[in-house]
Protein backbone atom coordinates (compact mmCIF):
# COMPACT_ATOMS: atom_id res chain seq x y z
CA MET A 1 -56.32 7.04 -9.59
CA ARG A 2 -54.47 9.44 -7.32
CA GLY A 3 -55.81 12.15 -5.03
CA ARG A 4 -59.04 12.45 -3.20
CA ARG A 5 -62.48 11.71 -4.72
CA SER A 6 -64.91 14.55 -5.03
CA ALA A 7 -68.03 14.53 -2.83
CA LEU A 8 -69.89 16.14 -5.73
CA LYS A 9 -72.16 13.56 -7.40
CA VAL A 10 -74.25 14.84 -10.23
CA GLU A 11 -77.39 12.92 -11.00
CA LEU A 12 -79.24 14.08 -14.12
CA ASP A 13 -82.85 13.45 -14.87
CA GLU A 14 -83.93 12.97 -18.54
CA GLN A 15 -85.12 16.56 -18.89
CA ASP A 16 -81.88 18.18 -17.64
CA LYS A 17 -79.72 15.80 -19.63
CA ALA A 18 -81.76 16.54 -22.84
CA GLN A 19 -81.40 20.28 -22.29
CA LEU A 20 -77.62 20.07 -21.81
CA VAL A 21 -77.23 17.94 -24.92
CA ARG A 22 -79.43 20.30 -26.81
CA TRP A 23 -77.18 23.24 -25.84
CA LEU A 24 -74.12 21.24 -26.96
CA ARG A 25 -75.53 20.44 -30.42
CA ALA A 26 -77.07 23.90 -31.07
CA GLN A 27 -74.85 26.15 -33.22
CA ASN A 28 -76.03 29.35 -31.61
CA THR A 29 -75.38 28.41 -28.01
CA PRO A 30 -72.76 30.75 -26.43
CA PHE A 31 -69.39 29.08 -26.02
CA GLY A 32 -69.20 29.45 -22.28
CA LEU A 33 -72.66 27.94 -21.73
CA ALA A 34 -71.82 25.00 -23.95
CA ARG A 35 -68.53 24.43 -22.18
CA ARG A 36 -70.26 24.41 -18.77
CA ALA A 37 -72.91 22.02 -19.98
CA TRP A 38 -70.21 19.73 -21.32
CA ALA A 39 -68.35 19.79 -18.03
CA VAL A 40 -71.52 18.87 -16.09
CA LEU A 41 -72.35 16.09 -18.44
CA LEU A 42 -68.72 14.68 -18.06
CA VAL A 43 -68.95 14.83 -14.26
CA ALA A 44 -72.38 13.24 -14.33
CA GLY A 45 -70.92 10.47 -16.47
CA GLY A 46 -68.37 9.60 -13.83
CA GLN A 47 -65.46 11.69 -14.94
CA SER A 48 -63.41 13.39 -12.16
CA LEU A 49 -63.54 17.18 -11.78
CA ALA A 50 -59.93 17.50 -12.86
CA GLY A 51 -60.41 15.14 -15.77
CA ALA A 52 -63.54 17.02 -16.98
CA GLY A 53 -61.65 20.35 -16.63
CA ARG A 54 -58.79 19.04 -18.71
CA GLN A 55 -61.10 17.81 -21.45
CA VAL A 56 -63.22 21.04 -21.49
CA GLY A 57 -60.40 23.46 -20.98
CA MET A 58 -61.27 24.70 -17.51
CA ALA A 59 -59.50 24.66 -14.21
CA GLU A 60 -60.71 22.11 -11.66
CA ARG A 61 -61.98 24.93 -9.38
CA HIS A 62 -64.11 26.32 -12.12
CA VAL A 63 -65.61 22.96 -12.92
CA ARG A 64 -66.38 22.57 -9.18
CA LYS A 65 -68.01 25.98 -9.14
CA TRP A 66 -70.35 25.21 -12.10
CA VAL A 67 -71.23 21.78 -10.83
CA ARG A 68 -72.20 23.25 -7.47
CA ARG A 69 -74.32 25.85 -9.16
CA PHE A 70 -75.95 23.27 -11.34
CA MET A 71 -76.68 21.09 -8.25
CA GLN A 72 -78.24 24.10 -6.36
CA GLN A 73 -80.16 25.87 -9.19
CA GLY A 74 -80.50 23.25 -11.90
CA VAL A 75 -80.04 24.11 -15.60
CA ALA A 76 -80.66 27.83 -14.95
CA GLY A 77 -77.51 27.89 -12.74
CA LEU A 78 -75.26 27.46 -15.79
CA SER A 79 -76.28 30.79 -17.30
CA ASP A 80 -74.10 33.84 -16.74
CA ALA A 81 -75.22 36.00 -13.89
CA HIS A 82 -75.84 39.76 -14.33
CA ARG A 83 -72.65 41.70 -13.78
CA SER A 84 -72.44 45.10 -12.37
CA GLY A 85 -70.30 47.63 -14.07
CA ARG A 86 -70.08 50.95 -15.83
CA PRO A 87 -73.02 51.67 -18.09
CA PRO A 88 -72.29 52.12 -21.78
CA VAL A 89 -71.08 55.54 -22.83
CA PHE A 90 -72.71 55.70 -26.23
CA SER A 91 -75.57 58.06 -26.61
CA PRO A 92 -78.88 56.18 -27.18
CA ARG A 93 -79.90 58.77 -29.82
CA GLY A 94 -76.71 58.39 -31.83
CA GLY A 95 -75.42 61.83 -31.14
CA SER A 96 -71.86 62.68 -30.45
CA VAL A 97 -70.62 61.99 -26.94
CA PHE A 98 -67.48 63.59 -25.52
CA GLY A 99 -64.55 61.29 -26.05
CA GLN A 100 -66.14 59.12 -28.69
CA ASP A 101 -65.21 61.17 -31.75
CA GLY A 102 -64.64 59.25 -34.94
CA LEU A 103 -66.26 55.92 -33.76
CA ARG A 104 -69.40 56.20 -35.84
CA ILE A 105 -69.58 55.49 -39.53
CA THR A 106 -72.25 57.47 -41.41
């Protein structure tokens, strides 16, 4: 095996492993969350970060990021964080909003 070995060693307890496997098997798990869980399981199983990334379809740096978050925060660290951004422009009462003409079907 070429390259350096990662210092990140993931050790899963039975509860965390069961939760990650449950997310992978559930049909209503968001794709991103399932992919992160799969990557963490692969790294915990001895796969390299690059190898897990290739198998899951992520870059090595993204696998490293999610493994670090898992190690720091546990299973909750794999969920998406709240993102800031522009609030929605649709009116909450369903009325017409400037610039949104023709988007509603009645």
